[in-house]
Amino acid sequence: MRRRKKIANYKYQQFLSHSNHQAFDTITEPGQVTPHSGIYRCEGCGENVVSTHSHPLPPQNHHQHTPAQGRIRWRLIAATH
């Protein structure tokens, strides 16, 4: 079984809030316009990036995957306002 990377650490929990918003369930393709500012995680390898609303997400050639990891796909894991 593959070990999954975790998101960045934090110290002060009072600055974070839980959300069940559907934006966290959406998979966004490389190079598409960022729908929500925040931290995005690659579904294939667990790499994290920060992207700003209306700017493009990193492209398919942003980093390399093994064949088992498939193509790069981005999921919002921490949104900013």
PDB file of N, CA and C in Angstrom:
ATOM      1  N   MET A   1       0.835  -1.186   0.000  1.00  0.00           N
ATOM      2  CA  MET A   1       0.000   0.000   0.000  1.00  0.00           C
ATOM      3  C   MET A   1       0.877   1.245   0.000  1.00  0.00           C
ATOM      4  N   ARG A   2       0.473   2.243  -0.752  1.00  0.00           N
ATOM      5  CA  ARG A   2       1.223   3.488  -0.886  1.00  0.00           C
ATOM      6  C   ARG A   2       0.971   4.386   0.324  1.00  0.00           C
ATOM      7  N   ARG A   3       2.028   4.980   0.852  1.00  0.00           N
ATOM      8  CA  ARG A   3       1.911   5.933   1.958  1.00  0.00           C
ATOM      9  C   ARG A   3       1.573   7.309   1.407  1.00  0.00           C
ATOM     10  N   ARG A   4       0.557   7.965   1.964  1.00  0.00           N
ATOM     11  CA  ARG A   4       0.111   9.276   1.491  1.00  0.00           C
ATOM     12  C   ARG A   4       0.795  10.386   2.272  1.00  0.00           C
ATOM     13  N   LYS A   5       1.247  11.421   1.563  1.00  0.00           N
ATOM     14  CA  LYS A   5       1.819  12.593   2.217  1.00  0.00           C
ATOM     15  C   LYS A   5       0.712  13.361   2.918  1.00  0.00           C
ATOM     16  N   LYS A   6       1.059  14.040   3.980  1.00  0.00           N
ATOM     17  CA  LYS A   6       0.105  14.880   4.712  1.00  0.00           C
ATOM     18  C   LYS A   6       0.298  16.338   4.326  1.00  0.00           C
ATOM     19  N   ILE A   7      -0.744  17.142   4.572  1.00  0.00           N
ATOM     20  CA  ILE A   7      -0.687  18.586   4.332  1.00  0.00           C
ATOM     21  C   ILE A   7       0.300  19.212   5.308  1.00  0.00           C
ATOM     22  N   ALA A   8       0.638  20.457   5.079  1.00  0.00           N
ATOM     23  CA  ALA A   8       1.534  21.196   5.967  1.00  0.00           C
ATOM     24  C   ALA A   8       1.008  21.210   7.397  1.00  0.00           C
ATOM     25  N   ASN A   9       1.921  21.360   8.331  1.00  0.00           N
ATOM     26  CA  ASN A   9       1.560  21.416   9.750  1.00  0.00           C
ATOM     27  C   ASN A   9       1.027  22.788  10.122  1.00  0.00           C
ATOM     28  N   TYR A  10       0.338  22.856  11.243  1.00  0.00           N
ATOM     29  CA  TYR A  10      -0.120  24.136  11.775  1.00  0.00           C
ATOM     30  C   TYR A  10       0.019  24.107  13.289  1.00  0.00           C
ATOM     31  N   LYS A  11       0.058  25.261  13.913  1.00  0.00           N
ATOM     32  CA  LYS A  11       0.192  25.341  15.363  1.00  0.00           C
ATOM     33  C   LYS A  11      -1.097  25.799  16.034  1.00  0.00           C
ATOM     34  N   TYR A  12      -1.761  26.794  15.462  1.00  0.00           N
ATOM     35  CA  TYR A  12      -2.908  27.409  16.123  1.00  0.00           C
ATOM     36  C   TYR A  12      -4.221  26.983  15.469  1.00  0.00           C
ATOM     37  N   GLN A  13      -4.861  25.997  16.039  1.00  0.00           N
ATOM     38  CA  GLN A  13      -6.094  25.445  15.489  1.00  0.00           C
ATOM     39  C   GLN A  13      -7.217  26.481  15.416  1.00  0.00           C
ATOM     40  N   GLN A  14      -7.197  27.478  16.280  1.00  0.00           N
ATOM     41  CA  GLN A  14      -8.273  28.471  16.297  1.00  0.00           C
ATOM     42  C   GLN A  14      -8.328  29.303  15.013  1.00  0.00           C
ATOM     43  N   PHE A  15      -7.294  29.237  14.187  1.00  0.00           N
ATOM     44  CA  PHE A  15      -7.285  29.981  12.932  1.00  0.00           C
ATOM     45  C   PHE A  15      -7.818  29.162  11.760  1.00  0.00           C
ATOM     46  N   LEU A  16      -8.214  27.923  12.009  1.00  0.00           N
ATOM     47  CA  LEU A  16      -8.733  27.035  10.970  1.00  0.00           C
ATOM     48  C   LEU A  16     -10.172  26.658  11.294  1.00  0.00           C
ATOM     49  N   SER A  17     -10.949  26.371  10.278  1.00  0.00           N
ATOM     50  CA  SER A  17     -12.317  25.905  10.504  1.00  0.00           C
ATOM     51  C   SER A  17     -12.627  24.767   9.537  1.00  0.00           C
ATOM     52  N   HIS A  18     -13.460  23.841   9.980  1.00  0.00           N
ATOM     53  CA  HIS A  18     -13.852  22.691   9.173  1.00  0.00           C
ATOM     54  C   HIS A  18     -14.953  23.102   8.204  1.00  0.00           C
ATOM     55  N   SER A  19     -14.952  22.515   7.022  1.00  0.00           N
ATOM     56  CA  SER A  19     -15.987  22.798   6.031  1.00  0.00           C
ATOM     57  C   SER A  19     -16.290  21.540   5.230  1.00  0.00           C
ATOM     58  N   ASN A  20     -17.554  21.345   4.911  1.00  0.00           N
ATOM     59  CA  ASN A  20     -17.985  20.253   4.035  1.00  0.00           C
ATOM     60  C   ASN A  20     -18.372  20.773   2.650  1.00  0.00           C
ATOM     61  N   HIS A  21     -17.884  21.946   2.281  1.00  0.00           N
ATOM     62  CA  HIS A  21     -18.230  22.565   1.001  1.00  0.00           C
ATOM     63  C   HIS A  21     -17.827  21.651  -0.151  1.00  0.00           C
ATOM     64  N   GLN A  22     -18.649  21.619  -1.186  1.00  0.00           N
ATOM     65  CA  GLN A  22     -18.387  20.757  -2.341  1.00  0.00           C
ATOM     66  C   GLN A  22     -17.097  21.114  -3.079  1.00  0.00           C
ATOM     67  N   ALA A  23     -16.562  22.304  -2.855  1.00  0.00           N
ATOM     68  CA  ALA A  23     -15.301  22.689  -3.509  1.00  0.00           C
ATOM     69  C   ALA A  23     -14.174  21.721  -3.153  1.00  0.00           C
ATOM     70  N   PHE A  24     -14.242  21.105  -1.982  1.00  0.00           N
ATOM     71  CA  PHE A  24     -13.200  20.172  -1.549  1.00  0.00           C
ATOM     72  C   PHE A  24     -13.331  18.805  -2.225  1.00  0.00           C
ATOM     73  N   ASP A  25     -14.450  18.554  -2.883  1.00  0.00           N
ATOM     74  CA  ASP A  25     -14.680  17.284  -3.578  1.00  0.00           C
ATOM     75  C   ASP A  25     -14.379  17.368  -5.068  1.00  0.00           C
ATOM     76  N   THR A  26     -14.115  18.557  -5.554  1.00  0.00           N
ATOM     77  CA  THR A  26     -13.903  18.775  -6.985  1.00  0.00           C
ATOM     78  C   THR A  26     -12.452  18.501  -7.368  1.00  0.00           C
ATOM     79  N   ILE A  27     -12.265  17.727  -8.422  1.00  0.00           N
ATOM     80  CA  ILE A  27     -10.934  17.478  -8.980  1.00  0.00           C
ATOM     81  C   ILE A  27     -10.755  18.440 -10.156  1.00  0.00           C
ATOM     82  N   THR A  28      -9.657  19.195 -10.148  1.00  0.00           N
ATOM     83  CA  THR A  28      -9.392  20.193 -11.185  1.00  0.00           C
ATOM     84  C   THR A  28      -8.178  19.758 -11.997  1.00  0.00           C
ATOM     85  N   GLU A  29      -8.278  19.889 -13.291  1.00  0.00           N
ATOM     86  CA  GLU A  29      -7.212  19.465 -14.199  1.00  0.00           C
ATOM     87  C   GLU A  29      -6.064  20.477 -14.218  1.00  0.00           C
ATOM     88  N   PRO A  30      -4.851  20.020 -14.534  1.00  0.00           N
ATOM     89  CA  PRO A  30      -3.695  20.911 -14.627  1.00  0.00           C
ATOM     90  C   PRO A  30      -3.938  22.035 -15.629  1.00  0.00           C
ATOM     91  N   GLY A  31      -3.461  23.231 -15.288  1.00  0.00           N
ATOM     92  CA  GLY A  31      -3.561  24.371 -16.180  1.00  0.00           C
ATOM     93  C   GLY A  31      -4.907  25.073 -16.180  1.00  0.00           C
ATOM     94  N   GLN A  32      -5.927  24.474 -15.546  1.00  0.00           N
ATOM     95  CA  GLN A  32      -7.229  25.139 -15.478  1.00  0.00           C
ATOM     96  C   GLN A  32      -7.167  26.323 -14.524  1.00  0.00           C
ATOM     97  N   VAL A  33      -8.096  27.240 -14.678  1.00  0.00           N
ATOM     98  CA  VAL A  33      -8.181  28.395 -13.789  1.00  0.00           C
ATOM     99  C   VAL A  33      -8.536  27.914 -12.386  1.00  0.00           C
ATOM    100  N   THR A  34      -7.831  28.429 -11.393  1.00  0.00           N
ATOM    101  CA  THR A  34      -8.062  28.052  -9.997  1.00  0.00           C
ATOM    102  C   THR A  34      -9.430  28.559  -9.553  1.00  0.00           C
ATOM    103  N   PRO A  35     -10.334  27.643  -9.148  1.00  0.00           N
ATOM    104  CA  PRO A  35     -11.673  28.071  -8.755  1.00  0.00           C
ATOM    105  C   PRO A  35     -11.732  28.732  -7.376  1.00  0.00           C
ATOM    106  N   HIS A  36     -10.839  28.341  -6.464  1.00  0.00           N
ATOM    107  CA  HIS A  36     -10.802  28.879  -5.095  1.00  0.00           C
ATOM    108  C   HIS A  36      -9.344  29.005  -4.665  1.00  0.00           C
ATOM    109  N   SER A  37      -8.960  30.116  -4.069  1.00  0.00           N
ATOM    110  CA  SER A  37      -7.592  30.269  -3.568  1.00  0.00           C
ATOM    111  C   SER A  37      -7.345  29.291  -2.430  1.00  0.00           C
ATOM    112  N   GLY A  38      -6.135  28.725  -2.391  1.00  0.00           N
ATOM    113  CA  GLY A  38      -5.800  27.834  -1.291  1.00  0.00           C
ATOM    114  C   GLY A  38      -4.700  26.855  -1.635  1.00  0.00           C
ATOM    115  N   ILE A  39      -4.625  25.797  -0.843  1.00  0.00           N
ATOM    116  CA  ILE A  39      -3.639  24.734  -1.037  1.00  0.00           C
ATOM    117  C   ILE A  39      -4.310  23.602  -1.802  1.00  0.00           C
ATOM    118  N   TYR A  40      -3.650  23.163  -2.870  1.00  0.00           N
ATOM    119  CA  TYR A  40      -4.145  22.065  -3.690  1.00  0.00           C
ATOM    120  C   TYR A  40      -3.192  20.884  -3.564  1.00  0.00           C
ATOM    121  N   ARG A  41      -3.745  19.679  -3.585  1.00  0.00           N
ATOM    122  CA  ARG A  41      -2.976  18.446  -3.457  1.00  0.00           C
ATOM    123  C   ARG A  41      -3.128  17.639  -4.743  1.00  0.00           C
ATOM    124  N   CYS A  42      -2.017  17.122  -5.230  1.00  0.00           N
ATOM    125  CA  CYS A  42      -2.056  16.243  -6.393  1.00  0.00           C
ATOM    126  C   CYS A  42      -2.630  14.899  -5.958  1.00  0.00           C
ATOM    127  N   GLU A  43      -3.676  14.458  -6.624  1.00  0.00           N
ATOM    128  CA  GLU A  43      -4.332  13.197  -6.275  1.00  0.00           C
ATOM    129  C   GLU A  43      -3.439  11.985  -6.532  1.00  0.00           C
ATOM    130  N   GLY A  44      -2.493  12.111  -7.436  1.00  0.00           N
ATOM    131  CA  GLY A  44      -1.641  10.982  -7.774  1.00  0.00           C
ATOM    132  C   GLY A  44      -0.494  10.751  -6.813  1.00  0.00           C
ATOM    133  N   CYS A  45       0.178  11.838  -6.387  1.00  0.00           N
ATOM    134  CA  CYS A  45       1.402  11.677  -5.596  1.00  0.00           C
ATOM    135  C   CYS A  45       1.389  12.395  -4.254  1.00  0.00           C
ATOM    136  N   GLY A  46       0.416  13.277  -4.022  1.00  0.00           N
ATOM    137  CA  GLY A  46       0.350  13.974  -2.737  1.00  0.00           C
ATOM    138  C   GLY A  46       1.123  15.276  -2.678  1.00  0.00           C
ATOM    139  N   GLU A  47       1.717  15.713  -3.781  1.00  0.00           N
ATOM    140  CA  GLU A  47       2.430  16.997  -3.826  1.00  0.00           C
ATOM    141  C   GLU A  47       1.441  18.126  -3.558  1.00  0.00           C
ATOM    142  N   ASN A  48       1.844  19.115  -2.755  1.00  0.00           N
ATOM    143  CA  ASN A  48       0.987  20.255  -2.434  1.00  0.00           C
ATOM    144  C   ASN A  48       1.507  21.519  -3.102  1.00  0.00           C
ATOM    145  N   VAL A  49       0.577  22.361  -3.581  1.00  0.00           N
ATOM    146  CA  VAL A  49       0.912  23.662  -4.158  1.00  0.00           C
ATOM    147  C   VAL A  49      -0.098  24.689  -3.658  1.00  0.00           C
ATOM    148  N   VAL A  50       0.300  25.953  -3.698  1.00  0.00           N
ATOM    149  CA  VAL A  50      -0.612  27.053  -3.393  1.00  0.00           C
ATOM    150  C   VAL A  50      -1.007  27.689  -4.717  1.00  0.00           C
ATOM    151  N   SER A  51      -2.299  27.966  -4.878  1.00  0.00           N
ATOM    152  CA  SER A  51      -2.760  28.614  -6.099  1.00  0.00           C
ATOM    153  C   SER A  51      -3.822  29.655  -5.753  1.00  0.00           C
ATOM    154  N   THR A  52      -3.833  30.739  -6.509  1.00  0.00           N
ATOM    155  CA  THR A  52      -4.717  31.874  -6.260  1.00  0.00           C
ATOM    156  C   THR A  52      -5.871  31.889  -7.254  1.00  0.00           C
ATOM    157  N   HIS A  53      -7.065  32.218  -6.759  1.00  0.00           N
ATOM    158  CA  HIS A  53      -8.269  32.306  -7.591  1.00  0.00           C
ATOM    159  C   HIS A  53      -7.987  33.088  -8.873  1.00  0.00           C
ATOM    160  N   SER A  54      -8.457  32.561  -9.968  1.00  0.00           N
ATOM    161  CA  SER A  54      -8.379  33.115 -11.328  1.00  0.00           C
ATOM    162  C   SER A  54      -7.007  32.954 -11.987  1.00  0.00           C
ATOM    163  N   HIS A  55      -6.029  32.413 -11.277  1.00  0.00           N
ATOM    164  CA  HIS A  55      -4.727  32.086 -11.872  1.00  0.00           C
ATOM    165  C   HIS A  55      -4.747  30.608 -12.259  1.00  0.00           C
ATOM    166  N   PRO A  56      -3.955  30.190 -13.254  1.00  0.00           N
ATOM    167  CA  PRO A  56      -3.961  28.778 -13.630  1.00  0.00           C
ATOM    168  C   PRO A  56      -3.272  27.898 -12.583  1.00  0.00           C
ATOM    169  N   LEU A  57      -3.827  26.701 -12.402  1.00  0.00           N
ATOM    170  CA  LEU A  57      -3.153  25.695 -11.581  1.00  0.00           C
ATOM    171  C   LEU A  57      -1.904  25.226 -12.321  1.00  0.00           C
ATOM    172  N   PRO A  58      -0.929  24.642 -11.611  1.00  0.00           N
ATOM    173  CA  PRO A  58       0.279  24.165 -12.294  1.00  0.00           C
ATOM    174  C   PRO A  58      -0.063  23.191 -13.428  1.00  0.00           C
ATOM    175  N   PRO A  59       0.734  23.200 -14.502  1.00  0.00           N
ATOM    176  CA  PRO A  59       0.461  22.360 -15.665  1.00  0.00           C
ATOM    177  C   PRO A  59       0.829  20.894 -15.439  1.00  0.00           C
ATOM    178  N   GLN A  60       0.488  20.076 -16.421  1.00  0.00           N
ATOM    179  CA  GLN A  60       0.747  18.638 -16.361  1.00  0.00           C
ATOM    180  C   GLN A  60       2.235  18.339 -16.167  1.00  0.00           C
ATOM    181  N   ASN A  61       3.118  19.160 -16.694  1.00  0.00           N
ATOM    182  CA  ASN A  61       4.561  18.912 -16.573  1.00  0.00           C
ATOM    183  C   ASN A  61       5.164  19.575 -15.331  1.00  0.00           C
ATOM    184  N   HIS A  62       4.346  19.966 -14.371  1.00  0.00           N
ATOM    185  CA  HIS A  62       4.808  20.608 -13.131  1.00  0.00           C
ATOM    186  C   HIS A  62       5.773  19.710 -12.365  1.00  0.00           C
ATOM    187  N   HIS A  63       5.460  18.422 -12.284  1.00  0.00           N
ATOM    188  CA  HIS A  63       6.338  17.446 -11.636  1.00  0.00           C
ATOM    189  C   HIS A  63       6.099  16.079 -12.275  1.00  0.00           C
ATOM    190  N   GLN A  64       7.007  15.144 -12.040  1.00  0.00           N
ATOM    191  CA  GLN A  64       6.945  13.832 -12.676  1.00  0.00           C
ATOM    192  C   GLN A  64       6.180  12.832 -11.820  1.00  0.00           C
ATOM    193  N   HIS A  65       5.453  11.946 -12.488  1.00  0.00           N
ATOM    194  CA  HIS A  65       4.741  10.847 -11.837  1.00  0.00           C
ATOM    195  C   HIS A  65       5.259   9.517 -12.361  1.00  0.00           C
ATOM    196  N   THR A  66       5.107   8.490 -11.550  1.00  0.00           N
ATOM    197  CA  THR A  66       5.331   7.135 -12.040  1.00  0.00           C
ATOM    198  C   THR A  66       4.067   6.726 -12.796  1.00  0.00           C
ATOM    199  N   PRO A  67       4.141   5.695 -13.629  1.00  0.00           N
ATOM    200  CA  PRO A  67       2.929   5.236 -14.314  1.00  0.00           C
ATOM    201  C   PRO A  67       1.804   4.864 -13.335  1.00  0.00           C
ATOM    202  N   ALA A  68       2.158   4.319 -12.187  1.00  0.00           N
ATOM    203  CA  ALA A  68       1.142   3.930 -11.199  1.00  0.00           C
ATOM    204  C   ALA A  68       0.405   5.135 -10.611  1.00  0.00           C
ATOM    205  N   GLN A  69       1.052   6.302 -10.592  1.00  0.00           N
ATOM    206  CA  GLN A  69       0.424   7.505 -10.034  1.00  0.00           C
ATOM    207  C   GLN A  69      -0.545   8.167 -11.006  1.00  0.00           C
ATOM    208  N   GLY A  70      -0.460   7.828 -12.271  1.00  0.00           N
ATOM    209  CA  GLY A  70      -1.354   8.426 -13.260  1.00  0.00           C
ATOM    210  C   GLY A  70      -1.010   9.881 -13.530  1.00  0.00           C
ATOM    211  N   ARG A  71      -1.958  10.584 -14.118  1.00  0.00           N
ATOM    212  CA  ARG A  71      -1.724  11.991 -14.477  1.00  0.00           C
ATOM    213  C   ARG A  71      -1.919  12.891 -13.258  1.00  0.00           C
ATOM    214  N   ILE A  72      -1.470  14.124 -13.366  1.00  0.00           N
ATOM    215  CA  ILE A  72      -1.638  15.113 -12.299  1.00  0.00           C
ATOM    216  C   ILE A  72      -3.096  15.558 -12.272  1.00  0.00           C
ATOM    217  N   ARG A  73      -3.690  15.585 -11.074  1.00  0.00           N
ATOM    218  CA  ARG A  73      -5.053  16.049 -10.841  1.00  0.00           C
ATOM    219  C   ARG A  73      -5.045  16.786  -9.519  1.00  0.00           C
ATOM    220  N   TRP A  74      -5.620  17.970  -9.460  1.00  0.00           N
ATOM    221  CA  TRP A  74      -5.557  18.811  -8.266  1.00  0.00           C
ATOM    222  C   TRP A  74      -6.872  18.815  -7.490  1.00  0.00           C
ATOM    223  N   ARG A  75      -6.772  18.713  -6.142  1.00  0.00           N
ATOM    224  CA  ARG A  75      -7.921  18.797  -5.242  1.00  0.00           C
ATOM    225  C   ARG A  75      -7.634  19.875  -4.196  1.00  0.00           C
ATOM    226  N   LEU A  76      -8.599  20.767  -3.975  1.00  0.00           N
ATOM    227  CA  LEU A  76      -8.487  21.785  -2.931  1.00  0.00           C
ATOM    228  C   LEU A  76      -8.526  21.100  -1.566  1.00  0.00           C
ATOM    229  N   ILE A  77      -7.519  21.367  -0.718  1.00  0.00           N
ATOM    230  CA  ILE A  77      -7.508  20.763   0.620  1.00  0.00           C
ATOM    231  C   ILE A  77      -7.538  21.789   1.740  1.00  0.00           C
ATOM    232  N   ALA A  78      -7.215  23.051   1.428  1.00  0.00           N
ATOM    233  CA  ALA A  78      -7.307  24.131   2.420  1.00  0.00           C
ATOM    234  C   ALA A  78      -7.612  25.418   1.660  1.00  0.00           C
ATOM    235  N   ALA A  79      -8.773  25.984   1.908  1.00  0.00           N
ATOM    236  CA  ALA A  79      -9.196  27.196   1.198  1.00  0.00           C
ATOM    237  C   ALA A  79      -8.859  28.436   2.010  1.00  0.00           C
ATOM    238  N   THR A  80      -8.572  29.525   1.300  1.00  0.00           N
ATOM    239  CA  THR A  80      -8.364  30.819   1.944  1.00  0.00           C
ATOM    240  C   THR A  80      -9.453  31.767   1.463  1.00  0.00           C
ATOM    241  N   HIS A  81      -9.658  32.830   2.190  1.00  0.00           N
ATOM    242  CA  HIS A  81     -10.722  33.785   1.831  1.00  0.00           C
ATOM    243  C   HIS A  81     -10.129  35.086   1.375  1.00  0.00           C
TER     244      HIS A  81
END
